[in-house]
Amino acid sequence: MAGIYIHIPFCRKACHYCNFHFSTRLGPMEAMVDALLREMELTAGFLNDAAVGTLYFGGGTPSLLPDAALGRLIGAVRDRYSLQPDAEITLEANPDDISRERLSAWKSVGINRLSIGVQSFRDEDLRWMNRAHTAAEAREAIALARAAGFHHDSIDLIYGTPGLTDADLLSNLAQAIDLGCPHLSCYALTVEPRTALARDIRLGKMTPVDGDAQARQFLLLSETLRAAGYEHYEISNFALPGHRSRHNSSYWQGIPYLGLGPSAHSFDGRNRRWNAANNELYLQAIARGEIPFEQETLTPVQRLNEYTMTALRTMEGMDMERVGRDWGADARHQLEKVAEMALARQWMTREGQRLILTAEGRLFADGIASDLFLEEGTL
């Protein structure tokens, strides 16, 4: 099984916290669609005819694409890759792009899952984020999606933002639960370099992020959503039973995937490559029949370290039996020895052959994973 990701690098306006690759110049959108179709031709053998179980349109704002363009892209994926009849096909969509007519059109071209960029149900948050929608539009978009038969949709929320109290967070969560959202992706605000948010904090126009408040709100949202019946199946993701994101889960499981479009990443199990994050450079290269990418071949140690990092983010944790089988008994012994400190601090538990982070341990997930990383030459 494999997945395909298509990056649509256009947005109507720039969110103040975002450092993803995008452009607000929408003129080249048609040329970008043609280039994506050409890149599919150039990468037709990348997945070695593996069955494709998920297709994900990310960005940027993929819901800006005309419905016919989405149909062309999905049709080309069906023609060139082994897209399964029951494939999960996700479209990231902003609330201001959602209407009854567009929902009907999206369903007609094969989209069966939406990832809706709500971010907050508070208008004051949406204003400083520079979002194009209001809280009322977000609620209406979710209701419209449900009425149109999108029962596997997801929403994004951001916590740990300046001015967001614990009561505000609980209100956001209560609204998501009341609206019947089966999947939530909840992200701590990160101040990325060269963003408007970073500039405003530097100039004293915005309150700096409070790390202690973010940690407290992470535990609060985890406890609240689990009490409401959601699985905290990955550090930033919560789902009602049967509603996990199949596409994102494939990343955490190390399943091969092909990325199309500027800045998109691909992974075949051993090699990782990434396209240039430059729209004009990408368009020019594709026009010459070339894909502007860089590539690295992962060593066994790098593959193990990646597995450690991604597996610890999930509720299933690290499968030590798999570590021993795929990387050897010495690697398993080294990891288990280092893990003793996290186990002693109750940041990690052991369930059978699996090492799983506790709720508190997830606050330190990156550091714990880093401690477990092996150095080159140890395998």
Protein backbone atom coordinates (compact mmCIF):
# COMPACT_ATOMS: atom_id res chain seq x y z
CA MET A 1 0.00 0.00 0.00
CA ALA A 2 1.15 3.57 -0.69
CA GLY A 3 -0.09 7.16 -0.58
CA ILE A 4 0.05 10.19 -2.83
CA TYR A 5 0.27 13.82 -1.67
CA ILE A 6 -0.38 16.74 -4.03
CA HIS A 7 0.78 20.17 -2.90
CA ILE A 8 -1.30 23.11 -4.11
CA PRO A 9 0.93 26.14 -3.36
CA PHE A 10 -1.63 28.95 -3.42
CA CYS A 11 -3.51 30.90 -0.75
CA ARG A 12 -5.96 33.78 -0.95
CA LYS A 13 -4.09 35.56 1.85
CA ALA A 14 -1.13 34.82 4.12
CA CYS A 15 -1.85 33.67 7.68
CA HIS A 16 0.45 35.49 10.07
CA TYR A 17 1.82 32.32 11.70
CA CYS A 18 2.34 30.16 8.60
CA ASN A 19 5.67 29.23 7.00
CA PHE A 20 4.40 26.54 4.61
CA HIS A 21 5.29 26.99 0.96
CA PHE A 22 2.60 29.01 -0.83
CA SER A 23 2.01 32.08 -2.97
CA THR A 24 -0.83 34.59 -2.99
CA ARG A 25 -0.28 35.09 -6.74
CA LEU A 26 -3.09 32.96 -8.15
CA GLY A 27 -2.39 33.66 -11.82
CA PRO A 28 -0.17 30.60 -12.40
CA MET A 29 -2.76 28.20 -10.92
CA GLU A 30 -3.79 26.72 -14.28
CA ALA A 31 -0.15 26.29 -15.30
CA MET A 32 0.51 24.57 -11.97
CA VAL A 33 -2.25 22.04 -12.60
CA ASP A 34 -0.75 21.25 -16.03
CA ALA A 35 2.68 20.87 -14.40
CA LEU A 36 1.29 18.49 -11.77
CA LEU A 37 -0.22 16.37 -14.53
CA ARG A 38 3.16 16.33 -16.28
CA GLU A 39 4.94 15.39 -13.05
CA MET A 40 2.60 12.40 -12.75
CA GLU A 41 3.85 11.23 -16.15
CA LEU A 42 7.47 11.68 -15.05
CA THR A 43 6.96 9.75 -11.79
CA ALA A 44 4.67 6.99 -13.02
CA GLY A 45 7.10 4.26 -11.89
CA PHE A 46 8.04 5.70 -8.49
CA LEU A 47 5.61 3.57 -6.49
CA ASN A 48 6.35 0.38 -8.46
CA ASP A 49 2.65 -0.25 -9.12
CA ALA A 50 1.89 -0.42 -5.39
CA ALA A 51 -1.77 -0.11 -4.49
CA VAL A 52 -2.54 3.50 -3.56
CA GLY A 53 -4.85 3.67 -0.57
CA THR A 54 -4.82 7.42 0.09
CA LEU A 55 -4.70 10.63 -1.93
CA TYR A 56 -4.28 13.94 -0.11
CA PHE A 57 -4.55 17.49 -1.48
CA GLY A 58 -2.61 19.80 0.83
CA GLY A 59 -1.15 23.24 0.66
CA GLY A 60 -1.55 26.11 0.59
CA THR A 61 -5.28 26.07 0.07
CA PRO A 62 -6.33 23.29 -2.32
CA SER A 63 -9.98 24.35 -2.09
CA LEU A 64 -9.01 27.36 -4.24
CA LEU A 65 -8.65 25.01 -7.22
CA PRO A 66 -11.55 24.99 -9.67
CA ASP A 67 -13.66 21.85 -9.34
CA ALA A 68 -12.78 20.80 -12.89
CA ALA A 69 -9.07 21.00 -12.07
CA LEU A 70 -9.53 18.75 -9.04
CA GLY A 71 -11.40 16.32 -11.26
CA ARG A 72 -8.56 16.32 -13.82
CA LEU A 73 -5.96 15.62 -11.14
CA ILE A 74 -7.93 12.81 -9.50
CA GLY A 75 -8.68 11.30 -12.91
CA ALA A 76 -4.98 11.36 -13.80
CA VAL A 77 -4.08 9.64 -10.52
CA ARG A 78 -6.60 6.91 -11.33
CA ASP A 79 -5.12 6.53 -14.82
CA ARG A 80 -1.44 6.46 -13.82
CA TYR A 81 -1.42 4.80 -10.40
CA SER A 82 -3.23 1.92 -8.75
CA LEU A 83 -5.71 4.08 -6.84
CA GLN A 84 -7.96 1.71 -4.90
CA PRO A 85 -11.76 1.90 -5.22
CA ASP A 86 -12.07 2.57 -1.48
CA ALA A 87 -9.18 5.05 -1.34
CA GLU A 88 -9.38 7.89 1.16
CA ILE A 89 -9.28 11.12 -0.89
CA THR A 90 -8.81 14.19 1.29
CA LEU A 91 -9.08 17.87 0.39
CA GLU A 92 -7.84 20.59 2.71
CA ALA A 93 -10.48 23.31 2.57
CA ASN A 94 -10.98 26.69 4.17
CA PRO A 95 -14.46 27.48 5.54
CA ASP A 96 -14.88 30.44 3.17
CA ASP A 97 -14.54 28.09 0.17
CA ILE A 98 -17.26 25.71 1.36
CA SER A 99 -20.78 25.90 -0.07
CA ARG A 100 -23.50 23.40 -0.95
CA GLU A 101 -22.59 23.67 -4.62
CA ARG A 102 -18.87 23.10 -4.08
CA LEU A 103 -19.44 20.22 -1.67
CA SER A 104 -21.59 18.52 -4.28
CA ALA A 105 -18.94 19.10 -6.94
CA TRP A 106 -16.17 17.75 -4.70
CA LYS A 107 -18.13 14.59 -4.00
CA SER A 108 -18.80 14.13 -7.72
CA VAL A 109 -15.06 14.09 -8.53
CA GLY A 110 -14.32 11.54 -5.80
CA ILE A 111 -13.33 13.52 -2.69
CA ASN A 112 -14.64 11.71 0.38
CA ARG A 113 -12.86 13.47 3.26
CA LEU A 114 -12.35 17.13 4.13
CA SER A 115 -9.73 18.70 6.38
CA ILE A 116 -11.26 22.06 7.31
CA GLY A 117 -8.94 24.85 8.44
CA VAL A 118 -11.00 26.25 11.30
CA GLN A 119 -8.10 27.12 13.67
CA SER A 120 -10.45 28.75 16.22
CA PHE A 121 -14.12 29.45 16.86
CA ARG A 122 -13.18 32.89 18.26
CA ASP A 123 -13.30 35.83 15.86
CA GLU A 124 -10.61 37.69 17.79
CA ASP A 125 -8.20 34.80 17.15
CA LEU A 126 -9.11 34.61 13.48
CA ARG A 127 -8.47 38.33 13.03
CA TRP A 128 -4.92 38.33 14.39
CA MET A 129 -4.19 35.12 12.49
CA ASN A 130 -5.33 36.95 9.31
CA ARG A 131 -7.74 34.17 8.42
CA ALA A 132 -10.24 34.85 5.63
CA HIS A 133 -13.25 33.36 7.46
CA THR A 134 -15.26 34.14 10.59
CA ALA A 135 -16.24 31.81 13.43
CA ALA A 136 -19.83 31.75 12.16
CA GLU A 137 -18.63 30.74 8.68
CA ALA A 138 -16.59 27.93 10.23
CA ARG A 139 -19.60 26.54 12.08
CA GLU A 140 -21.75 26.82 8.97
CA ALA A 141 -19.12 25.10 6.81
CA ILE A 142 -18.96 22.13 9.17
CA ALA A 143 -22.75 21.83 9.23
CA LEU A 144 -22.91 22.04 5.42
CA ALA A 145 -20.24 19.35 5.05
CA ARG A 146 -22.14 17.04 7.37
CA ALA A 147 -25.42 17.63 5.53
CA ALA A 148 -23.67 16.91 2.22
CA GLY A 149 -22.58 13.49 3.45
CA PHE A 150 -18.97 14.18 4.47
CA HIS A 151 -18.91 12.04 7.60
CA HIS A 152 -15.13 11.60 7.85
CA ASP A 153 -14.17 15.26 7.92
CA SER A 154 -11.53 16.77 10.18
CA ILE A 155 -10.95 20.25 11.57
CA ASP A 156 -7.75 22.01 12.59
CA LEU A 157 -7.51 23.94 15.86
CA ILE A 158 -4.57 25.91 17.25
CA TYR A 159 -3.93 26.20 20.98
CA GLY A 160 -1.37 27.97 23.14
CA THR A 161 -1.95 31.24 21.27
CA PRO A 162 -1.59 34.72 22.78
CA GLY A 163 -4.73 35.57 24.74
CA LEU A 164 -6.28 32.09 24.57
CA THR A 165 -7.33 31.14 28.10
CA ASP A 166 -8.04 27.63 29.26
CA ALA A 167 -11.74 28.52 29.26
CA ASP A 168 -11.44 29.69 25.63
CA LEU A 169 -9.81 26.41 24.67
CA LEU A 170 -12.56 24.43 26.38
CA SER A 171 -15.14 26.50 24.50
CA ASN A 172 -13.44 25.73 21.18
CA LEU A 173 -13.40 22.02 22.01
CA ALA A 174 -17.02 22.04 23.17
CA GLN A 175 -18.12 23.60 19.89
CA ALA A 176 -16.17 21.03 17.87
CA ILE A 177 -17.72 18.20 19.88
CA ASP A 178 -21.24 19.67 19.64
CA LEU A 179 -20.84 20.01 15.87
CA GLY A 180 -20.06 16.29 15.68
CA CYS A 181 -16.53 16.66 14.29
CA PRO A 182 -15.18 13.08 14.15
CA HIS A 183 -11.52 14.11 13.84
CA LEU A 184 -9.52 17.01 15.25
CA SER A 185 -5.94 18.02 14.52
CA CYS A 186 -4.80 20.29 17.36
CA TYR A 187 -1.50 22.12 17.03
CA ALA A 188 0.45 24.23 19.49
CA LEU A 189 1.23 27.62 17.99
CA THR A 190 4.83 27.68 16.78
CA VAL A 191 6.55 30.97 16.10
CA GLU A 192 8.32 30.35 12.81
CA PRO A 193 11.13 32.62 11.55
CA ARG A 194 10.30 35.12 8.83
CA THR A 195 6.57 35.16 9.59
CA ALA A 196 4.41 38.16 10.45
CA LEU A 197 3.82 36.64 13.89
CA ALA A 198 7.56 36.46 14.60
CA ARG A 199 7.94 40.06 13.51
CA ASP A 200 5.05 41.26 15.69
CA ILE A 201 6.44 39.48 18.75
CA ARG A 202 9.87 40.95 18.10
CA LEU A 203 8.38 44.44 17.85
CA GLY A 204 6.29 43.97 20.98
CA LYS A 205 2.99 44.09 19.08
CA MET A 206 2.05 40.53 20.11
CA THR A 207 2.48 38.67 23.39
CA PRO A 208 5.19 35.98 23.23
CA VAL A 209 4.11 32.37 23.35
CA ASP A 210 3.92 30.96 26.89
CA GLY A 211 5.44 27.46 26.89
CA ASP A 212 3.96 26.57 30.28
CA ALA A 213 0.48 27.58 29.11
CA GLN A 214 0.91 25.47 25.95
CA ALA A 215 1.87 22.42 28.02
CA ARG A 216 -1.09 22.92 30.34
CA GLN A 217 -3.49 23.33 27.41
CA PHE A 218 -2.09 20.24 25.69
CA LEU A 219 -2.94 18.14 28.74
CA LEU A 220 -6.32 19.83 29.04
CA LEU A 221 -7.33 19.17 25.45
CA SER A 222 -6.07 15.57 25.66
CA GLU A 223 -8.11 14.91 28.80
CA THR A 224 -11.21 16.69 27.46
CA LEU A 225 -11.28 14.92 24.10
CA ARG A 226 -10.54 11.48 25.56
CA ALA A 227 -13.43 11.99 27.99
CA ALA A 228 -15.62 12.77 24.96
CA GLY A 229 -14.71 9.44 23.34
CA TYR A 230 -11.86 10.49 21.07
CA GLU A 231 -8.70 8.43 20.64
CA HIS A 232 -5.55 10.48 21.15
CA TYR A 233 -3.95 8.38 18.45
CA GLU A 234 -1.08 10.75 17.60
CA ILE A 235 0.33 13.69 19.53
CA SER A 236 -1.60 16.27 17.49
CA ASN A 237 -4.51 14.13 16.34
CA PHE A 238 -7.73 12.93 17.92
CA ALA A 239 -10.41 10.76 16.33
CA LEU A 240 -13.63 9.03 17.20
CA PRO A 241 -13.29 5.26 16.64
CA GLY A 242 -13.05 4.48 12.92
CA HIS A 243 -12.22 8.06 11.91
CA ARG A 244 -8.42 8.18 11.98
CA SER A 245 -6.71 9.85 9.04
CA ARG A 246 -5.51 6.95 6.92
CA HIS A 247 -3.16 9.18 4.94
CA ASN A 248 -1.37 10.77 7.88
CA SER A 249 -1.22 7.42 9.65
CA SER A 250 0.74 6.05 6.69
CA TYR A 251 3.47 8.65 7.33
CA TRP A 252 3.84 7.55 10.94
CA GLN A 253 3.91 3.90 9.88
CA GLY A 254 6.68 4.42 7.32
CA ILE A 255 4.49 3.49 4.34
CA PRO A 256 5.88 4.73 0.97
CA TYR A 257 4.33 7.83 -0.54
CA LEU A 258 4.78 10.06 -3.57
CA GLY A 259 4.68 13.83 -3.25
CA LEU A 260 3.77 15.98 -6.26
CA GLY A 261 4.19 19.72 -6.60
CA PRO A 262 6.66 22.33 -5.32
CA SER A 263 8.05 21.53 -1.83
CA ALA A 264 6.39 18.08 -1.79
CA HIS A 265 8.30 15.17 -0.23
CA SER A 266 8.42 11.53 -1.34
CA PHE A 267 9.62 8.34 0.36
CA ASP A 268 10.04 4.86 -1.12
CA GLY A 269 11.11 3.05 2.04
CA ARG A 270 14.83 3.80 1.70
CA ASN A 271 15.15 7.05 -0.23
CA ARG A 272 13.67 10.42 0.64
CA ARG A 273 13.41 13.24 -1.85
CA TRP A 274 11.89 16.71 -1.89
CA ASN A 275 10.92 19.06 -4.68
CA ALA A 276 12.18 22.63 -4.82
CA ALA A 277 10.02 25.02 -2.80
CA ASN A 278 9.83 27.57 -5.60
CA ASN A 279 6.83 27.80 -7.92
CA GLU A 280 8.61 29.39 -10.88
CA LEU A 281 11.60 27.07 -10.70
CA TYR A 282 9.25 24.07 -10.47
CA LEU A 283 7.18 25.19 -13.46
CA GLN A 284 10.25 25.84 -15.60
CA ALA A 285 11.85 22.49 -14.77
CA ILE A 286 8.66 20.51 -15.42
CA ALA A 287 8.30 22.30 -18.77
CA ARG A 288 11.75 20.88 -19.67
CA GLY A 289 10.63 17.39 -18.64
CA GLU A 290 12.64 17.49 -15.41
CA ILE A 291 11.66 17.31 -11.73
CA PRO A 292 13.62 19.78 -9.56
CA PHE A 293 14.31 17.62 -6.52
CA GLU A 294 17.05 16.68 -4.08
CA GLN A 295 17.40 13.20 -2.61
CA GLU A 296 19.07 11.31 0.19
CA THR A 297 19.40 7.58 0.83
CA LEU A 298 18.71 6.78 4.46
CA THR A 299 21.16 4.60 6.36
CA PRO A 300 19.82 1.82 8.62
CA VAL A 301 20.48 4.07 11.64
CA GLN A 302 18.56 6.96 10.05
CA ARG A 303 15.63 4.67 9.25
CA LEU A 304 15.57 3.40 12.84
CA ASN A 305 15.76 6.92 14.24
CA GLU A 306 12.90 8.01 12.02
CA TYR A 307 10.86 5.03 13.18
CA THR A 308 11.62 5.95 16.79
CA MET A 309 10.53 9.55 16.27
CA THR A 310 7.28 8.77 14.44
CA ALA A 311 6.25 5.70 16.43
CA LEU A 312 6.58 7.49 19.76
CA ARG A 313 4.11 10.10 18.51
CA THR A 314 1.38 7.45 18.22
CA MET A 315 -0.77 5.75 20.85
CA GLU A 316 0.64 2.37 19.76
CA GLY A 317 4.20 3.46 20.47
CA MET A 318 7.38 1.61 19.45
CA ASP A 319 7.17 -2.07 18.63
CA MET A 320 10.39 -3.45 20.11
CA GLU A 321 9.81 -6.81 18.49
CA ARG A 322 9.89 -5.04 15.13
CA VAL A 323 13.07 -3.18 16.14
CA GLY A 324 14.77 -6.48 16.91
CA ARG A 325 13.53 -8.08 13.71
CA ASP A 326 14.38 -5.19 11.35
CA TRP A 327 17.48 -3.72 13.01
CA GLY A 328 18.85 -6.48 15.22
CA ALA A 329 19.01 -7.51 18.87
CA ASP A 330 21.81 -5.02 19.66
CA ALA A 331 19.70 -2.08 18.49
CA ARG A 332 16.78 -3.28 20.59
CA HIS A 333 19.00 -3.68 23.66
CA GLN A 334 20.46 -0.17 23.24
CA LEU A 335 17.05 1.43 22.94
CA GLU A 336 15.57 -0.45 25.88
CA LYS A 337 18.50 0.56 28.06
CA VAL A 338 18.14 4.26 27.27
CA ALA A 339 14.35 4.03 27.69
CA GLU A 340 14.77 3.03 31.34
CA MET A 341 15.05 6.69 32.40
CA ALA A 342 11.77 7.65 30.69
CA LEU A 343 10.09 4.60 32.20
CA ALA A 344 11.34 5.54 35.67
CA ARG A 345 9.99 9.09 35.30
CA GLN A 346 6.62 7.67 34.15
CA TRP A 347 6.97 9.47 30.85
CA MET A 348 6.73 6.09 29.17
CA THR A 349 5.02 2.77 29.86
CA ARG A 350 5.71 -0.71 28.61
CA GLU A 351 2.78 -2.72 27.29
CA GLY A 352 3.92 -6.12 26.10
CA GLN A 353 6.51 -5.51 23.39
CA ARG A 354 5.65 -1.82 23.02
CA LEU A 355 7.08 1.35 24.55
CA ILE A 356 4.37 4.01 24.74
CA LEU A 357 4.58 7.61 25.94
CA THR A 358 2.23 8.71 28.70
CA ALA A 359 0.24 11.94 28.41
CA GLU A 360 2.96 13.75 30.36
CA GLY A 361 5.67 12.04 28.32
CA ARG A 362 4.18 13.41 25.12
CA LEU A 363 5.10 16.88 26.35
CA PHE A 364 8.73 15.80 25.98
CA ALA A 365 8.31 13.56 22.93
CA ASP A 366 11.00 15.20 20.82
CA GLY A 367 13.55 15.12 23.62
CA ILE A 368 12.79 11.52 24.52
CA ALA A 369 13.08 10.47 20.89
CA SER A 370 16.37 12.37 20.57
CA ASP A 371 17.75 10.55 23.62
CA LEU A 372 16.87 7.25 21.96
CA PHE A 373 18.49 8.08 18.63
CA LEU A 374 21.43 5.84 17.77
CA GLU A 375 24.63 7.21 16.26
CA GLU A 376 26.02 6.14 12.92
CA GLY A 377 28.32 3.15 13.21
CA THR A 378 26.40 1.55 16.07
CA LEU A 379 24.56 -0.92 13.81
